[in-house]
Amino acid sequence: MKLITTNKAFASNLSRLVKDYPHISFAVAWASANTEIFRQLTANPTKIQRAVIGTHFYQTHPDVIDAFIDSQRVHFILQPEGIFHPKVYLFWKTGSWEAIIGSANLTAAALTINSEAMILVSSSDEDVPEMRGKITELIDEYWKHAKPATKTSAASYRALWKVHQPALNRLSGQYGNTKSSKSPIESQVMKMTWEQFLGEVKKHKFQEIEERLNLLDVARLAFAQNINFASMETGLRQTIAGVPTLFNPNWGWFGSMKGAGRFRRVLNANNPHLSSALDRIPSAGNVTFAQYKDFLSEFVKAFPSGGHGVAVSSRMLAMKRPDQFVCVASKNKSKLCIDFGIKKTGMDYERYWDEIIQRILDSPWWNSEAPNSNDALRVWNGRAAMLDVIYYNDKRPSQLG
């Protein structure tokens, strides 16, 4: 009998057992397709006597199901009641057998990064003569509730798996393709309740908060009263875009764009693609990734010679929908990235959505119900944009750039 506690030992023992034994049965909650063990199993399918694989939470990769469509040796728990959660592996030949039982699934994570604990037992161990039979009976019992995968069920599972993957990745703390140095619970802001978030905002000077909220009020009214961005008078468009203007003294809050020369020229020329881009963002309801992409496809058309980027685009988004977007600019970027545990460099449009906006949308304070107090409601209506208050490094808009 042997205790297995490392990924390397688990992987090496599984590989050895698959190679050495002609008969294999196992039952696992989940399985991955991109592992050496899985390749060994699919290369020797006749070794498998009975295998049962669960699919709860869409953790099993659809390629696993595709590999065993119509198989009489590998069945799946496709619609479990409760959670199908065993991890049992049995290997045997004439005169001997071995089994691994414990916490590890047949997944890439279990074989590489998870913390797992398994017991390896064999026919040579004392006091286990009946264990092989009991393991066989257990897998047989699971088999009764499993079904072979068909082309139809495999295709349906893949479609649902694809839909659920972004949410499953976020539940594991993975946002986008860049690995964060922090889990969500280590972020100061992500874990805040609404009351904590509001308290953090109110730590700042009353005048500063009022100026910010007044600017959001101006932008909200402008989008409500005008046909589109292009129809607004120049000073109002400059105020919303965050470039110097005498129209409104609060123009510089939420990311000053005074140093974005090409953006200012595009704005002053009233390029129609800026207005068309903002039209792609709805005035109410959750903004979808598809709508965000539509916004970007129009936005970049306004800059045939370059000059667009996350700073100027997020400024416009934050003014159109301050409840969902925050302007990421020079004066808040460092603190924001440190708190979220993400890289400051290389911030592009995809990372902005995946690593910043998705974190915001998963935060308790963002998902809170609208408060009754009018003062608190003004902050709540611009709660994503108001992150700039918490992460801002300087004190006055004139110092932004």
Protein backbone atom coordinates (compact mmCIF):
# COMPACT_ATOMS: atom_id res chain seq x y z
CA MET A 1 0.00 0.00 0.00
CA LYS A 2 1.32 3.43 -0.94
CA LEU A 3 0.22 7.03 -0.41
CA ILE A 4 0.48 9.16 -3.54
CA THR A 5 0.57 12.91 -2.90
CA THR A 6 2.35 14.46 -5.90
CA ASN A 7 1.14 15.06 -9.44
CA LYS A 8 4.28 13.46 -10.84
CA ALA A 9 3.79 10.28 -8.81
CA PHE A 10 0.12 10.06 -9.76
CA ALA A 11 0.90 10.51 -13.47
CA SER A 12 3.82 8.05 -13.48
CA ASN A 13 1.84 5.38 -11.64
CA LEU A 14 -1.14 5.72 -13.95
CA SER A 15 1.12 5.51 -16.99
CA ARG A 16 2.83 2.41 -15.62
CA LEU A 17 -0.44 0.70 -14.80
CA VAL A 18 -1.99 1.41 -18.20
CA LYS A 19 1.10 -0.06 -19.89
CA ASP A 20 1.47 -3.09 -17.62
CA TYR A 21 -2.09 -4.34 -17.28
CA PRO A 22 -4.34 -5.75 -20.01
CA HIS A 23 -7.58 -5.00 -18.16
CA ILE A 24 -8.66 -1.57 -16.88
CA SER A 25 -11.84 -0.23 -15.28
CA PHE A 26 -12.33 3.16 -13.73
CA ALA A 27 -14.91 5.69 -12.59
CA VAL A 28 -14.11 9.41 -12.42
CA ALA A 29 -16.09 12.60 -12.10
CA TRP A 30 -14.23 14.37 -14.92
CA ALA A 31 -11.65 13.75 -17.62
CA SER A 32 -9.41 15.81 -19.90
CA ALA A 33 -8.38 14.89 -23.43
CA ASN A 34 -5.03 16.66 -23.63
CA THR A 35 -2.99 14.38 -21.37
CA GLU A 36 -0.52 11.58 -22.03
CA ILE A 37 -2.64 9.18 -19.93
CA PHE A 38 -5.69 9.85 -22.09
CA ARG A 39 -3.63 9.27 -25.22
CA GLN A 40 -2.47 5.95 -23.80
CA LEU A 41 -6.05 4.90 -23.07
CA THR A 42 -7.38 5.86 -26.50
CA ALA A 43 -4.44 4.08 -28.11
CA ASN A 44 -5.40 0.90 -26.23
CA PRO A 45 -9.22 1.00 -26.09
CA THR A 46 -9.63 -2.79 -25.81
CA LYS A 47 -7.88 -2.69 -22.43
CA ILE A 48 -10.83 -0.76 -21.01
CA GLN A 49 -13.43 -3.12 -19.61
CA ARG A 50 -15.77 -0.59 -18.04
CA ALA A 51 -15.24 3.13 -17.57
CA VAL A 52 -17.73 5.65 -16.25
CA ILE A 53 -17.02 9.37 -16.65
CA GLY A 54 -19.11 12.18 -15.18
CA THR A 55 -19.86 15.52 -16.81
CA HIS A 56 -21.23 17.62 -13.96
CA PHE A 57 -20.40 21.36 -14.14
CA TYR A 58 -19.16 20.73 -17.72
CA GLN A 59 -15.70 19.90 -16.38
CA THR A 60 -15.17 16.96 -18.74
CA HIS A 61 -13.74 18.10 -22.06
CA PRO A 62 -16.03 17.38 -25.05
CA ASP A 63 -13.11 15.76 -26.90
CA VAL A 64 -13.28 12.97 -24.31
CA ILE A 65 -16.89 12.27 -25.21
CA ASP A 66 -16.15 12.46 -28.93
CA ALA A 67 -13.40 9.87 -28.49
CA PHE A 68 -15.90 7.34 -27.14
CA ILE A 69 -19.08 7.93 -29.17
CA ASP A 70 -21.15 4.72 -29.27
CA SER A 71 -18.54 2.95 -27.13
CA GLN A 72 -19.63 -0.16 -25.29
CA ARG A 73 -16.69 0.20 -22.94
CA VAL A 74 -16.87 3.86 -21.88
CA HIS A 75 -20.15 5.36 -20.71
CA PHE A 76 -21.01 8.78 -19.35
CA ILE A 77 -23.17 10.26 -16.62
CA LEU A 78 -24.72 12.99 -18.78
CA GLN A 79 -27.58 14.08 -16.54
CA PRO A 80 -26.61 13.31 -12.95
CA GLU A 81 -28.81 13.88 -9.95
CA GLY A 82 -26.49 15.29 -7.34
CA ILE A 83 -22.83 15.15 -8.28
CA PHE A 84 -21.14 12.06 -9.71
CA HIS A 85 -17.82 12.33 -7.89
CA PRO A 86 -15.84 9.04 -7.59
CA LYS A 87 -12.16 8.60 -8.47
CA VAL A 88 -11.44 4.87 -8.67
CA TYR A 89 -8.98 3.12 -11.00
CA LEU A 90 -8.64 -0.68 -11.19
CA PHE A 91 -6.02 -2.63 -13.19
CA TRP A 92 -5.71 -6.44 -13.34
CA LYS A 93 -4.26 -9.48 -15.03
CA THR A 94 -4.12 -13.14 -14.17
CA GLY A 95 -2.72 -13.48 -10.69
CA SER A 96 -2.43 -9.82 -9.73
CA TRP A 97 -4.21 -6.48 -9.59
CA GLU A 98 -3.62 -2.88 -8.48
CA ALA A 99 -5.98 0.01 -7.74
CA ILE A 100 -5.72 3.74 -7.13
CA ILE A 101 -8.41 5.38 -5.01
CA GLY A 102 -8.58 8.96 -3.75
CA SER A 103 -9.19 12.52 -4.87
CA ALA A 104 -7.72 12.76 -8.38
CA ASN A 105 -9.82 12.80 -11.53
CA LEU A 106 -8.50 11.92 -14.97
CA THR A 107 -7.88 15.60 -15.71
CA ALA A 108 -4.91 17.66 -16.78
CA ALA A 109 -5.11 19.65 -13.54
CA ALA A 110 -5.05 16.51 -11.39
CA LEU A 111 -1.98 15.31 -13.26
CA THR A 112 -0.10 18.61 -13.11
CA ILE A 113 -1.14 21.30 -10.61
CA ASN A 114 -3.88 20.16 -8.22
CA SER A 115 -3.21 19.05 -4.67
CA GLU A 116 -4.35 15.43 -4.59
CA ALA A 117 -4.08 12.45 -2.26
CA MET A 118 -4.42 8.87 -3.52
CA ILE A 119 -3.89 5.37 -2.13
CA LEU A 120 -2.28 2.73 -4.32
CA VAL A 121 -3.24 -0.79 -3.23
CA SER A 122 -2.45 -4.14 -4.83
CA SER A 123 -3.05 -7.85 -4.50
CA SER A 124 0.29 -8.13 -2.66
CA ASP A 125 -0.91 -5.98 0.22
CA GLU A 126 -2.10 -7.68 3.38
CA ASP A 127 -5.73 -7.40 4.51
CA VAL A 128 -7.10 -6.40 1.07
CA PRO A 129 -8.12 -9.73 -0.52
CA GLU A 130 -11.73 -8.61 -0.95
CA MET A 131 -11.01 -5.09 -2.18
CA ARG A 132 -10.77 -5.91 -5.89
CA GLY A 133 -14.23 -7.46 -5.83
CA LYS A 134 -15.69 -4.51 -3.97
CA ILE A 135 -14.13 -2.04 -6.41
CA THR A 136 -15.51 -4.03 -9.34
CA GLU A 137 -18.97 -4.06 -7.76
CA LEU A 138 -18.76 -0.31 -7.19
CA ILE A 139 -17.87 0.44 -10.82
CA ASP A 140 -20.59 -1.98 -11.99
CA GLU A 141 -23.11 -0.05 -9.90
CA TYR A 142 -22.02 3.23 -11.50
CA TRP A 143 -22.28 1.57 -14.91
CA LYS A 144 -26.00 0.97 -14.39
CA HIS A 145 -26.61 4.71 -14.32
CA ALA A 146 -24.31 5.64 -17.22
CA LYS A 147 -25.07 5.77 -20.92
CA PRO A 148 -23.03 5.56 -24.10
CA ALA A 149 -22.44 8.86 -25.85
CA THR A 150 -24.12 9.37 -29.20
CA LYS A 151 -23.21 11.88 -31.90
CA THR A 152 -26.26 13.92 -30.91
CA SER A 153 -25.55 13.93 -27.18
CA ALA A 154 -21.85 14.67 -27.80
CA ALA A 155 -22.70 17.64 -30.02
CA SER A 156 -25.20 18.97 -27.49
CA TYR A 157 -22.71 18.64 -24.66
CA ARG A 158 -20.00 20.43 -26.66
CA ALA A 159 -22.33 23.35 -27.39
CA LEU A 160 -23.27 23.70 -23.71
CA TRP A 161 -19.65 23.22 -22.59
CA LYS A 162 -18.55 26.07 -24.84
CA VAL A 163 -21.19 28.40 -23.41
CA HIS A 164 -20.25 27.61 -19.82
CA GLN A 165 -16.45 27.71 -20.15
CA PRO A 166 -15.96 31.46 -19.49
CA ALA A 167 -18.00 31.27 -16.29
CA LEU A 168 -16.21 28.10 -15.16
CA ASN A 169 -12.84 29.72 -15.77
CA ARG A 170 -13.85 32.76 -13.73
CA LEU A 171 -15.01 30.53 -10.88
CA SER A 172 -11.48 29.15 -10.75
CA GLY A 173 -10.07 32.68 -10.72
CA GLN A 174 -8.95 32.62 -14.36
CA TYR A 175 -10.00 35.68 -16.35
CA GLY A 176 -8.90 35.67 -19.97
CA ASN A 177 -5.67 34.03 -21.12
CA THR A 178 -3.30 35.84 -18.76
CA LYS A 179 -2.67 34.17 -15.41
CA SER A 180 -3.39 36.47 -12.47
CA SER A 181 -1.03 36.65 -9.52
CA LYS A 182 -4.03 36.91 -7.19
CA SER A 183 -7.24 35.03 -6.58
CA PRO A 184 -10.41 37.18 -6.47
CA ILE A 185 -10.56 36.96 -2.67
CA GLU A 186 -7.11 38.56 -2.47
CA SER A 187 -8.29 41.65 -4.36
CA GLN A 188 -9.20 44.54 -2.11
CA VAL A 189 -12.07 45.66 -4.32
CA MET A 190 -13.42 42.47 -5.91
CA LYS A 191 -14.54 41.01 -2.58
CA MET A 192 -16.25 44.19 -1.29
CA THR A 193 -19.93 44.32 -0.47
CA TRP A 194 -21.86 47.34 -1.70
CA GLU A 195 -21.66 48.95 1.73
CA GLN A 196 -17.89 48.50 1.79
CA PHE A 197 -17.52 49.83 -1.75
CA LEU A 198 -19.62 52.91 -0.98
CA GLY A 199 -17.64 53.49 2.21
CA GLU A 200 -14.38 53.31 0.29
CA VAL A 201 -15.65 55.87 -2.23
CA LYS A 202 -16.82 58.19 0.53
CA LYS A 203 -13.37 58.26 2.09
CA HIS A 204 -12.43 60.78 -0.58
CA LYS A 205 -13.21 64.49 -0.48
CA PHE A 206 -16.87 65.39 -0.84
CA GLN A 207 -16.12 68.02 -3.49
CA GLU A 208 -14.17 65.49 -5.57
CA ILE A 209 -17.01 62.97 -5.41
CA GLU A 210 -19.60 65.61 -6.30
CA GLU A 211 -17.58 66.79 -9.28
CA ARG A 212 -17.31 63.23 -10.54
CA LEU A 213 -20.98 62.48 -10.03
CA ASN A 214 -21.97 65.76 -11.67
CA LEU A 215 -19.92 64.82 -14.72
CA LEU A 216 -21.66 61.45 -14.91
CA ASP A 217 -25.02 63.25 -14.62
CA VAL A 218 -24.06 65.53 -17.51
CA ALA A 219 -23.05 62.58 -19.68
CA ARG A 220 -26.17 60.59 -18.81
CA LEU A 221 -28.44 63.52 -19.66
CA ALA A 222 -26.54 64.21 -22.89
CA PHE A 223 -27.02 60.68 -24.18
CA ALA A 224 -30.67 60.73 -23.14
CA GLN A 225 -31.51 64.06 -24.78
CA ASN A 226 -29.50 63.85 -28.00
CA ILE A 227 -30.08 61.65 -31.00
CA ASN A 228 -26.48 60.46 -30.88
CA PHE A 229 -22.98 61.59 -29.94
CA ALA A 230 -22.41 63.35 -33.26
CA SER A 231 -25.46 65.59 -32.73
CA MET A 232 -24.12 67.03 -29.47
CA GLU A 233 -22.53 70.47 -29.45
CA THR A 234 -18.73 70.54 -29.52
CA GLY A 235 -18.21 71.48 -25.86
CA LEU A 236 -20.46 68.68 -24.68
CA ARG A 237 -18.67 66.12 -26.84
CA GLN A 238 -15.34 67.37 -25.50
CA THR A 239 -16.60 67.06 -21.94
CA ILE A 240 -17.70 63.46 -22.49
CA ALA A 241 -14.47 62.62 -24.28
CA GLY A 242 -12.31 64.06 -21.48
CA VAL A 243 -10.45 66.72 -23.44
CA PRO A 244 -9.91 70.34 -22.32
CA THR A 245 -13.02 72.48 -22.71
CA LEU A 246 -14.58 75.56 -21.13
CA PHE A 247 -17.97 73.89 -21.43
CA ASN A 248 -17.63 71.97 -18.15
CA PRO A 249 -14.89 72.33 -15.50
CA ASN A 250 -15.13 68.64 -14.54
CA TRP A 251 -14.11 67.29 -17.94
CA GLY A 252 -10.85 65.78 -16.60
CA TRP A 253 -12.27 63.33 -14.08
CA PHE A 254 -12.38 59.63 -15.07
CA GLY A 255 -9.31 59.82 -17.28
CA SER A 256 -8.11 62.99 -18.94
CA MET A 257 -7.43 62.59 -22.65
CA LYS A 258 -5.71 65.97 -23.01
CA GLY A 259 -2.51 64.27 -24.12
CA ALA A 260 -4.21 62.09 -26.76
CA GLY A 261 -3.60 64.39 -29.72
CA ARG A 262 -4.90 62.17 -32.52
CA PHE A 263 -8.00 61.34 -30.48
CA ARG A 264 -8.65 65.06 -30.00
CA ARG A 265 -8.35 65.67 -33.73
CA VAL A 266 -10.76 62.83 -34.51
CA LEU A 267 -13.14 64.19 -31.87
CA ASN A 268 -12.96 67.80 -33.08
CA ALA A 269 -13.60 66.62 -36.64
CA ASN A 270 -16.71 64.89 -35.29
CA ASN A 271 -15.75 61.64 -37.00
CA PRO A 272 -19.00 59.71 -37.52
CA HIS A 273 -17.42 56.41 -36.48
CA LEU A 274 -17.11 57.64 -32.87
CA SER A 275 -20.85 58.26 -32.75
CA SER A 276 -21.61 55.02 -34.56
CA ALA A 277 -19.45 53.11 -32.08
CA LEU A 278 -21.30 54.54 -29.09
CA ASP A 279 -24.61 53.67 -30.75
CA ARG A 280 -23.56 50.00 -30.48
CA ILE A 281 -23.64 50.26 -26.69
CA PRO A 282 -27.20 50.06 -25.28
CA SER A 283 -28.35 52.65 -22.78
CA ALA A 284 -29.68 50.02 -20.36
CA GLY A 285 -29.23 46.34 -19.59
CA ASN A 286 -26.00 44.38 -19.42
CA VAL A 287 -23.62 45.13 -22.26
CA THR A 288 -22.63 41.88 -23.96
CA PHE A 289 -19.24 40.96 -25.36
CA ALA A 290 -20.78 40.96 -28.84
CA GLN A 291 -21.96 44.55 -28.35
CA TYR A 292 -18.54 45.51 -27.03
CA LYS A 293 -16.91 44.02 -30.14
CA ASP A 294 -19.36 45.90 -32.35
CA PHE A 295 -18.37 49.10 -30.56
CA LEU A 296 -14.68 48.40 -31.18
CA SER A 297 -15.16 47.57 -34.84
CA GLU A 298 -16.62 51.02 -35.40
CA PHE A 299 -14.37 52.86 -32.97
CA VAL A 300 -11.10 51.85 -34.63
CA LYS A 301 -12.42 53.00 -38.03
CA ALA A 302 -12.19 56.57 -36.74
CA PHE A 303 -8.40 56.17 -36.49
CA PRO A 304 -7.05 55.09 -39.90
CA SER A 305 -3.63 56.48 -38.92
CA GLY A 306 -3.69 55.07 -35.38
CA GLY A 307 -4.24 56.81 -32.07
CA HIS A 308 -6.93 54.59 -30.60
CA GLY A 309 -6.42 52.34 -27.59
CA VAL A 310 -7.82 51.17 -24.29
CA ALA A 311 -7.51 54.56 -22.59
CA VAL A 312 -9.56 56.57 -25.11
CA SER A 313 -12.05 53.78 -25.83
CA SER A 314 -12.67 53.04 -22.14
CA ARG A 315 -13.17 56.76 -21.47
CA MET A 316 -16.00 56.83 -24.02
CA LEU A 317 -17.47 53.58 -22.72
CA ALA A 318 -17.34 54.80 -19.12
CA MET A 319 -19.26 57.95 -20.05
CA LYS A 320 -21.91 56.04 -22.02
CA ARG A 321 -22.27 53.25 -19.45
CA PRO A 322 -20.56 54.19 -16.16
CA ASP A 323 -22.38 51.34 -14.45
CA GLN A 324 -20.39 48.76 -16.43
CA PHE A 325 -17.17 50.38 -17.68
CA VAL A 326 -14.23 52.12 -16.05
CA CYS A 327 -11.74 54.29 -17.88
CA VAL A 328 -8.29 52.74 -17.50
CA ALA A 329 -5.75 55.55 -17.89
CA SER A 330 -2.36 56.56 -16.56
CA LYS A 331 -3.51 57.73 -13.13
CA ASN A 332 -5.44 54.63 -12.07
CA LYS A 333 -3.90 51.83 -14.11
CA SER A 334 -1.09 50.90 -11.72
CA LYS A 335 -3.25 50.54 -8.59
CA LEU A 336 -6.02 48.76 -10.50
CA CYS A 337 -3.66 46.21 -12.04
CA ILE A 338 -1.92 45.59 -8.72
CA ASP A 339 -5.23 44.99 -6.95
CA PHE A 340 -6.49 42.63 -9.66
CA GLY A 341 -3.12 40.89 -9.87
CA ILE A 342 -2.77 41.48 -13.63
CA LYS A 343 0.00 42.81 -15.84
CA LYS A 344 0.04 46.56 -16.42
CA THR A 345 1.87 46.26 -19.71
CA GLY A 346 0.27 45.01 -22.90
CA MET A 347 -3.27 45.99 -21.96
CA ASP A 348 -5.36 45.56 -25.11
CA TYR A 349 -9.06 45.51 -25.91
CA GLU A 350 -9.47 41.78 -25.20
CA ARG A 351 -7.64 41.94 -21.88
CA TYR A 352 -9.63 45.01 -20.86
CA TRP A 353 -12.87 43.03 -21.24
CA ASP A 354 -11.65 39.70 -19.89
CA GLU A 355 -9.40 40.80 -17.06
CA ILE A 356 -11.02 44.04 -15.89
CA ILE A 357 -14.66 44.21 -16.91
CA GLN A 358 -15.37 40.54 -16.16
CA ARG A 359 -13.85 40.93 -12.71
CA ILE A 360 -16.04 43.96 -12.10
CA LEU A 361 -19.16 42.10 -13.20
CA ASP A 362 -18.37 39.23 -10.80
CA SER A 363 -17.87 41.50 -7.77
CA PRO A 364 -20.47 41.51 -4.95
CA TRP A 365 -20.72 45.31 -4.90
CA TRP A 366 -21.46 45.43 -8.61
CA ASN A 367 -24.18 42.77 -8.30
CA SER A 368 -25.90 44.46 -5.36
CA GLU A 369 -29.44 45.77 -5.58
CA ALA A 370 -29.94 49.46 -6.22
CA PRO A 371 -29.89 51.41 -2.91
CA ASN A 372 -32.83 53.52 -1.77
CA SER A 373 -30.83 56.60 -0.83
CA ASN A 374 -30.54 59.08 -3.70
CA ASP A 375 -26.90 59.90 -2.88
CA ALA A 376 -25.95 56.23 -2.82
CA LEU A 377 -27.99 55.59 -5.96
CA ARG A 378 -25.96 58.18 -7.88
CA VAL A 379 -22.79 56.25 -7.01
CA TRP A 380 -24.44 52.92 -7.81
CA ASN A 381 -25.54 54.14 -11.23
CA GLY A 382 -21.89 54.89 -12.01
CA ARG A 383 -20.33 52.21 -9.84
CA ALA A 384 -17.88 50.78 -12.39
CA ALA A 385 -16.61 54.19 -13.44
CA MET A 386 -16.33 55.18 -9.78
CA LEU A 387 -13.54 52.63 -9.35
CA ASP A 388 -11.42 55.52 -10.56
CA VAL A 389 -11.99 57.14 -7.18
CA ILE A 390 -10.49 54.18 -5.36
CA TYR A 391 -7.56 53.58 -7.69
CA TYR A 392 -6.76 57.21 -8.58
CA ASN A 393 -3.22 58.37 -7.77
CA ASP A 394 -3.54 62.17 -8.01
CA LYS A 395 -6.01 64.63 -6.55
CA ARG A 396 -7.07 67.07 -9.26
CA PRO A 397 -8.15 66.62 -12.88
CA SER A 398 -5.54 69.18 -14.00
CA GLN A 399 -2.84 66.72 -12.98
CA LEU A 400 -4.25 63.94 -15.14
CA GLY A 401 -2.65 63.08 -18.41
